[in-house]
């Protein structure tokens, strides 16, 4: 065998050099900017007399009984591009599957998601670069929106949670596909599994769209096998050693990595294709799955999960005067609305019933 190369010719002991993470902070800034614009459009003082923090003018928040997360009204979120299934199917507004992941229901919702994104996204971007992580974020968010649209068809949905769960799923599949290059593998695997289980368990609480979480996680898990595959450490090390000192050919990737890549790509493409066909044909999986709703909310003595019964209103009209009565809680209110649209009335109904 050839003698070992001198120190100055040996492989870099850290072959995977970190990228500078700029995309993750940019996504955080974009989400914050969109929330500010949403609050400007919301203009609570122009529509309600009991806004929170009236001193900040049109940026003030909706009353707590309408939005306990300190944010805009449901009607404003729908205007800004929230995921609303009827709009996607009947009005052909498929773009809502993407725009909804940039909207947030309130300050608390925004803070929770952005802190999680900084914690997970920067680490992944440093290791794999902005292109792969950017694609992973967007496609996972789309996967979360798609599953949410199939199962949650009676309310709007917003938030970056699907994309965030996609990053979490990608971390798990990245560990599996690059298993041989890591030390303390079992500890890392156990930690990721526990974090995933805890976060998905939180999704069984009411008013949390766990289908977006599940769809994003599964999409990200598959994408991790496709986008985050690493070459073997020996292959990287050997590239930095002069030809005369190399011991022989080394495969760039292991066979199991190629197998996982192929299976994940097939599952992802098939899942997206079938999901989109089901969505735009108006197929509801809930009609054929009596237990699926438990994946998003489990009723207990402390809360109920019937989200649909409380958001229907009886509407009577006299000229420009609309009288709305919420069937769920019996609240009644009169609105003066010249040329009101169905979207406006539905938004007011949701505010009245929350």
Protein backbone atom coordinates (compact mmCIF):
# COMPACT_ATOMS: atom_id res chain seq x y z
CA UNK A 1 0.00 0.00 0.00
CA UNK A 2 1.19 3.56 -0.61
CA UNK A 3 2.61 5.46 2.34
CA UNK A 4 0.25 7.88 4.11
CA UNK A 5 0.24 11.35 2.55
CA UNK A 6 2.00 14.16 4.35
CA UNK A 7 -0.20 16.29 6.64
CA UNK A 8 -0.56 19.11 4.12
CA UNK A 9 -2.06 16.69 1.56
CA UNK A 10 -4.44 14.80 3.81
CA UNK A 11 -8.20 15.13 3.54
CA UNK A 12 -9.99 17.93 5.29
CA UNK A 13 -11.21 16.44 8.61
CA UNK A 14 -14.41 18.49 8.14
CA UNK A 15 -15.41 17.75 4.51
CA UNK A 16 -18.91 19.24 4.81
CA UNK A 17 -18.30 22.96 5.12
CA UNK A 18 -21.20 25.10 6.35
CA UNK A 19 -23.18 27.45 4.13
CA UNK A 20 -24.02 30.97 5.16
CA UNK A 21 -27.71 30.89 6.22
CA UNK A 22 -29.47 33.87 4.66
CA UNK A 23 -32.68 32.30 3.32
CA UNK A 24 -34.15 31.32 6.69
CA UNK A 25 -33.89 34.88 8.10
CA UNK A 26 -35.36 36.15 4.82
CA UNK A 27 -38.36 33.82 5.17
CA UNK A 28 -38.84 35.01 8.76
CA UNK A 29 -38.71 38.64 7.60
CA UNK A 30 -41.20 37.91 4.80
CA UNK A 31 -43.67 36.31 7.21
CA UNK A 32 -43.43 39.27 9.57
CA UNK A 33 -43.91 41.72 6.68
CA UNK A 34 -46.98 39.84 5.43
CA UNK A 35 -48.46 39.90 8.94
CA UNK A 36 -47.93 43.67 9.18
CA UNK A 37 -49.63 44.16 5.79
CA UNK A 38 -52.47 41.87 6.89
CA UNK A 39 -53.06 43.97 10.02
CA UNK A 40 -53.02 47.15 7.90
CA UNK A 41 -55.66 45.68 5.59
CA UNK A 42 -57.67 44.42 8.57
CA UNK A 43 -58.14 47.96 10.00
CA UNK A 44 -59.98 46.84 13.13
CA UNK A 45 -61.17 50.34 14.23
CA UNK A 46 -63.12 50.65 10.97
CA UNK A 47 -65.07 47.45 11.66
CA UNK A 48 -65.25 47.02 15.43
CA UNK A 49 -65.62 49.19 18.53
CA UNK A 50 -63.69 46.97 20.94
CA UNK A 51 -60.27 46.58 19.30
CA UNK A 52 -57.21 45.68 21.34
CA UNK A 53 -54.44 48.34 21.52
CA UNK A 54 -56.46 51.02 19.80
CA UNK A 55 -53.48 53.37 20.16
CA UNK A 56 -51.74 51.78 17.18
CA UNK A 57 -54.64 52.71 14.89
CA UNK A 58 -55.52 50.43 12.03
CA UNK A 59 -52.86 47.95 13.19
CA UNK A 60 -54.84 47.21 16.36
CA UNK A 61 -56.05 43.66 16.95
CA UNK A 62 -59.50 42.12 16.78
CA UNK A 63 -61.37 41.62 20.09
CA UNK A 64 -60.27 38.54 22.06
CA UNK A 65 -63.62 36.82 21.57
CA UNK A 66 -63.04 36.99 17.81
CA UNK A 67 -59.33 36.20 17.74
CA UNK A 68 -57.58 35.22 20.99
CA UNK A 69 -54.21 35.03 19.18
CA UNK A 70 -53.99 38.82 18.76
CA UNK A 71 -54.51 39.10 15.05
CA UNK A 72 -56.87 39.99 12.19
CA UNK A 73 -60.37 38.77 11.44
CA UNK A 74 -61.10 35.59 9.52
CA UNK A 75 -62.54 37.70 6.72
CA UNK A 76 -59.25 39.58 6.31
CA UNK A 77 -57.24 36.35 6.29
CA UNK A 78 -59.48 35.00 3.56
CA UNK A 79 -58.95 38.19 1.51
CA UNK A 80 -55.20 37.86 1.91
CA UNK A 81 -55.11 34.27 0.62
CA UNK A 82 -56.04 31.88 3.43
CA UNK A 83 -56.76 28.29 2.46
CA UNK A 84 -60.52 28.04 1.90
CA UNK A 85 -61.53 24.87 0.08
CA UNK A 86 -64.58 26.26 -1.70
CA UNK A 87 -62.45 29.04 -3.16
CA UNK A 88 -59.86 26.52 -4.33
CA UNK A 89 -62.36 24.16 -5.96
CA UNK A 90 -65.23 26.33 -7.17
CA UNK A 91 -63.33 29.53 -7.97
CA UNK A 92 -60.19 27.74 -9.20
CA UNK A 93 -57.94 29.59 -6.73
CA UNK A 94 -55.31 26.90 -6.38
CA UNK A 95 -52.74 29.55 -5.47
CA UNK A 96 -54.24 29.55 -1.97
CA UNK A 97 -52.40 26.27 -1.35
CA UNK A 98 -49.19 28.34 -1.35
CA UNK A 99 -50.28 31.75 -0.06
CA UNK A 100 -51.80 30.34 3.13
CA UNK A 101 -48.37 29.29 4.42
CA UNK A 102 -47.29 32.96 4.55
CA UNK A 103 -50.24 34.10 6.66
CA UNK A 104 -50.67 33.82 10.43
CA UNK A 105 -53.73 34.08 12.64
CA UNK A 106 -52.08 36.29 15.26
CA UNK A 107 -48.96 37.45 17.06
CA UNK A 108 -48.73 34.30 19.19
CA UNK A 109 -49.12 32.09 16.13
CA UNK A 110 -46.45 34.06 14.25
CA UNK A 111 -43.95 34.02 17.13
CA UNK A 112 -44.28 30.28 17.73
CA UNK A 113 -43.73 29.43 14.06
CA UNK A 114 -40.89 31.87 13.43
CA UNK A 115 -38.94 30.81 16.53
CA UNK A 116 -39.26 27.20 15.41
CA UNK A 117 -38.17 28.12 11.89
CA UNK A 118 -35.05 29.89 13.16
CA UNK A 119 -34.16 26.95 15.40
CA UNK A 120 -34.58 24.29 12.70
CA UNK A 121 -34.08 26.16 9.43
CA UNK A 122 -30.73 27.81 10.13
CA UNK A 123 -29.12 24.53 11.10
CA UNK A 124 -30.38 22.77 7.95
CA UNK A 125 -29.44 25.67 5.68
CA UNK A 126 -25.92 25.73 7.09
CA UNK A 127 -25.52 22.07 6.22
CA UNK A 128 -27.32 21.81 2.88
CA UNK A 129 -27.57 25.30 1.38
CA UNK A 130 -30.43 27.62 0.54
CA UNK A 131 -31.58 25.93 -2.71
CA UNK A 132 -32.41 22.56 -1.20
CA UNK A 133 -33.84 23.97 2.02
CA UNK A 134 -35.89 26.55 0.12
CA UNK A 135 -37.42 23.86 -2.09
CA UNK A 136 -37.96 21.64 0.93
CA UNK A 137 -39.78 24.44 2.76
CA UNK A 138 -42.09 25.33 -0.14
CA UNK A 139 -42.94 21.78 -1.23
CA UNK A 140 -43.55 20.63 2.35
CA UNK A 141 -45.80 23.62 2.94
CA UNK A 142 -47.73 22.70 -0.20
CA UNK A 143 -48.05 19.11 1.00
CA UNK A 144 -49.44 20.30 4.31
CA UNK A 145 -51.94 22.59 2.56
CA UNK A 146 -53.04 19.79 0.25
CA UNK A 147 -53.82 17.33 3.05
CA UNK A 148 -55.52 20.09 5.04
CA UNK A 149 -57.71 20.99 2.06
CA UNK A 150 -58.78 17.36 1.67
CA UNK A 151 -59.80 16.87 5.31
CA UNK A 152 -60.62 20.36 6.68
CA UNK A 153 -63.35 21.73 4.43
CA UNK A 154 -65.45 23.81 6.84
CA UNK A 155 -63.01 26.51 7.97
CA UNK A 156 -60.04 28.50 6.71
CA UNK A 157 -56.44 27.50 7.41
CA UNK A 158 -53.28 29.62 7.64
CA UNK A 159 -49.74 29.27 8.94
CA UNK A 160 -46.26 27.99 8.17
CA UNK A 161 -46.70 24.90 10.36
CA UNK A 162 -46.87 22.50 7.41
CA UNK A 163 -43.54 23.77 6.07
CA UNK A 164 -41.99 23.65 9.55
CA UNK A 165 -43.09 20.05 10.08
CA UNK A 166 -41.60 19.34 6.66
CA UNK A 167 -38.20 20.53 7.91
CA UNK A 168 -38.63 18.34 10.99
CA UNK A 169 -39.51 15.33 8.84
CA UNK A 170 -36.52 16.02 6.60
CA UNK A 171 -34.20 16.02 9.62
CA UNK A 172 -35.42 12.53 10.47
CA UNK A 173 -35.05 11.11 6.96
CA UNK A 174 -31.66 12.82 6.55
CA UNK A 175 -30.42 11.01 9.64
CA UNK A 176 -31.68 7.69 8.27
CA UNK A 177 -30.28 8.04 4.74
CA UNK A 178 -26.90 9.36 5.97
CA UNK A 179 -26.78 6.90 8.88
CA UNK A 180 -23.18 5.76 8.37
CA UNK A 181 -21.56 9.21 8.70
CA UNK A 182 -23.03 10.05 12.11
CA UNK A 183 -21.90 9.24 15.61
CA UNK A 184 -24.41 8.91 18.48
CA UNK A 185 -26.97 7.83 15.89
CA UNK A 186 -29.46 6.16 18.20
CA UNK A 187 -29.53 9.12 20.60
CA UNK A 188 -30.16 11.53 17.70
CA UNK A 189 -32.86 9.26 16.25
CA UNK A 190 -34.62 8.89 19.61
CA UNK A 191 -34.52 12.66 20.17
CA UNK A 192 -36.06 13.40 16.77
CA UNK A 193 -38.77 10.77 17.21
CA UNK A 194 -39.73 12.14 20.64
CA UNK A 195 -39.85 15.73 19.34
CA UNK A 196 -41.99 14.64 16.39
CA UNK A 197 -44.44 12.66 18.52
CA UNK A 198 -44.84 15.55 21.00
CA UNK A 199 -45.47 18.10 18.26
CA UNK A 200 -47.98 15.90 16.45
CA UNK A 201 -49.70 15.14 19.77
CA UNK A 202 -50.27 18.87 20.29
CA UNK A 203 -52.23 18.79 17.04
CA UNK A 204 -55.08 16.83 18.62
CA UNK A 205 -56.11 20.00 20.48
CA UNK A 206 -59.05 21.96 19.03
CA UNK A 207 -58.43 24.84 16.61
CA UNK A 208 -55.11 23.29 15.51
CA UNK A 209 -54.87 22.04 11.92
CA UNK A 210 -53.02 18.79 12.51
CA UNK A 211 -53.66 17.63 8.95
CA UNK A 212 -51.37 20.42 7.74
CA UNK A 213 -48.77 19.18 10.25
CA UNK A 214 -49.08 15.57 9.09
CA UNK A 215 -49.07 16.46 5.39
CA UNK A 216 -46.04 18.69 5.81
CA UNK A 217 -44.17 16.12 7.90
CA UNK A 218 -44.76 13.25 5.44
CA UNK A 219 -43.79 15.47 2.49
CA UNK A 220 -40.64 16.63 4.24
CA UNK A 221 -39.77 13.09 5.30
CA UNK A 222 -39.90 11.93 1.68
CA UNK A 223 -38.05 15.02 0.42
CA UNK A 224 -35.24 14.45 2.92
CA UNK A 225 -34.35 11.19 1.16
CA UNK A 226 -34.32 13.04 -2.19
CA UNK A 227 -32.71 16.41 -1.36
CA UNK A 228 -30.53 15.75 1.69
CA UNK A 229 -28.60 12.67 0.60
CA UNK A 230 -24.87 12.92 1.38
CA UNK A 231 -21.94 11.10 -0.23
CA UNK A 232 -19.98 8.67 1.91
CA UNK A 233 -17.33 10.19 4.14
CA UNK A 234 -14.63 8.02 2.54
CA UNK A 235 -15.57 9.24 -0.95
CA UNK A 236 -15.33 12.90 0.11
CA UNK A 237 -12.06 12.31 1.94
CA UNK A 238 -10.48 10.45 -0.96
CA UNK A 239 -11.18 13.32 -3.37
CA UNK A 240 -8.83 15.53 -1.37
CA UNK A 241 -5.96 13.03 -1.46
CA UNK A 242 -3.46 12.95 -4.39
CA UNK A 243 -3.97 10.11 -6.88
CA UNK A 244 -0.81 8.31 -5.89
CA UNK A 245 -2.01 7.93 -2.33
CA UNK A 246 -5.56 6.70 -3.06
CA UNK A 247 -6.36 3.13 -2.01
CA UNK A 248 -8.98 2.35 -4.66
CA UNK A 249 -12.39 3.35 -6.00
CA UNK A 250 -15.06 4.21 -3.44
CA UNK A 251 -18.75 4.51 -4.24
CA UNK A 252 -20.16 8.02 -3.82
CA UNK A 253 -23.36 6.68 -2.25
CA UNK A 254 -24.43 3.40 -0.73
CA UNK A 255 -26.99 1.19 -2.45
CA UNK A 256 -29.59 1.68 0.30
CA UNK A 257 -29.40 5.45 -0.27
CA UNK A 258 -30.37 5.03 -3.92
CA UNK A 259 -33.22 2.68 -2.96
CA UNK A 260 -34.60 5.14 -0.39
CA UNK A 261 -34.25 7.99 -2.91
CA UNK A 262 -36.29 6.09 -5.52
CA UNK A 263 -39.02 4.95 -3.11
CA UNK A 264 -39.40 8.44 -1.61
CA UNK A 265 -39.62 10.10 -5.03
CA UNK A 266 -42.30 7.65 -6.19
CA UNK A 267 -44.34 8.04 -2.98
CA UNK A 268 -44.13 11.84 -3.14
CA UNK A 269 -45.09 12.19 -6.81
CA UNK A 270 -47.90 9.65 -6.49
CA UNK A 271 -49.24 11.24 -3.31
CA UNK A 272 -49.31 14.76 -4.76
CA UNK A 273 -50.91 13.58 -8.01
CA UNK A 274 -53.66 11.57 -6.29
CA UNK A 275 -54.25 14.32 -3.72
CA UNK A 276 -54.68 17.04 -6.36
CA UNK A 277 -57.05 14.88 -8.42
CA UNK A 278 -59.16 14.15 -5.33
CA UNK A 279 -59.21 17.82 -4.32
CA UNK A 280 -60.25 19.31 -7.65
CA UNK A 281 -62.87 16.61 -8.21
CA UNK A 282 -64.46 17.55 -4.89
CA UNK A 283 -63.74 14.20 -3.23
CA UNK A 284 -63.86 14.30 0.58
CA UNK A 285 -61.91 11.52 2.36
CA UNK A 286 -63.99 12.19 5.48
CA UNK A 287 -66.96 10.55 3.76
CA UNK A 288 -65.08 7.24 3.65
CA UNK A 289 -63.02 7.47 6.82
CA UNK A 290 -65.08 7.72 9.99
CA UNK A 291 -62.05 7.93 12.30
CA UNK A 292 -59.73 10.27 10.35
CA UNK A 293 -61.03 13.39 12.12
CA UNK A 294 -59.46 12.10 15.34
CA UNK A 295 -56.03 12.77 13.83
CA UNK A 296 -56.76 16.50 14.09
CA UNK A 297 -58.81 16.72 17.27
CA UNK A 298 -59.70 14.24 20.01
CA UNK A 299 -62.76 15.32 22.05
CA UNK A 300 -62.49 15.26 25.84
CA UNK A 301 -64.47 16.54 28.80
CA UNK A 302 -62.50 19.81 28.53
CA UNK A 303 -63.25 20.61 24.89
CA UNK A 304 -65.26 19.50 21.87
CA UNK A 305 -64.18 19.14 18.25
CA UNK A 306 -67.35 19.95 16.35
CA UNK A 307 -66.07 22.93 14.41
CA UNK A 308 -68.87 23.06 11.90
CA UNK A 309 -71.92 23.43 14.09
CA UNK A 310 -70.85 26.78 15.48
CA UNK A 311 -70.12 28.62 12.25
CA UNK A 312 -73.51 28.71 10.57
CA UNK A 313 -75.70 31.81 10.69
CA UNK A 314 -79.28 32.62 9.88
CA UNK A 315 -79.25 35.68 7.62
CA UNK A 316 -82.10 38.08 6.90
CA UNK A 317 -81.76 41.17 4.72
CA UNK A 318 -83.65 44.46 4.53
CA UNK A 319 -82.06 46.73 1.94
CA UNK A 320 -78.45 47.20 3.04
CA UNK A 321 -79.19 45.87 6.54
CA UNK A 322 -78.16 42.30 7.31
CA UNK A 323 -79.30 40.51 10.47
CA UNK A 324 -77.08 37.58 11.43
CA UNK A 325 -77.85 35.02 14.13
CA UNK A 326 -75.21 32.41 14.99
CA UNK A 327 -76.81 28.98 15.28
CA UNK A 328 -74.08 27.71 17.60
CA UNK A 329 -74.24 30.32 20.38
CA UNK A 330 -77.41 32.28 19.57
CA UNK A 331 -75.64 35.63 19.20
CA UNK A 332 -77.41 38.23 17.07
CA UNK A 333 -76.04 41.31 15.35
CA UNK A 334 -77.09 43.78 12.68
CA UNK A 335 -74.69 45.01 9.98
CA UNK A 336 -75.05 47.79 7.40
CA UNK A 337 -73.39 46.38 4.28
CA UNK A 338 -73.98 47.89 0.85
CA UNK A 339 -73.60 45.21 -1.85
CA UNK A 340 -72.30 42.58 0.60
CA UNK A 341 -70.70 39.49 -0.90
CA UNK A 342 -71.08 35.93 0.35
CA UNK A 343 -67.45 36.06 1.52
CA UNK A 344 -68.11 39.14 3.67
CA UNK A 345 -71.20 37.58 5.23
CA UNK A 346 -69.37 34.32 5.96
CA UNK A 347 -66.52 36.26 7.57
CA UNK A 348 -68.91 38.20 9.78
CA UNK A 349 -70.65 34.94 10.69
CA UNK A 350 -67.35 33.39 11.77
CA UNK A 351 -66.57 36.43 13.92
CA UNK A 352 -70.02 36.26 15.49
CA UNK A 353 -69.72 32.56 16.29
CA UNK A 354 -66.16 32.54 17.68
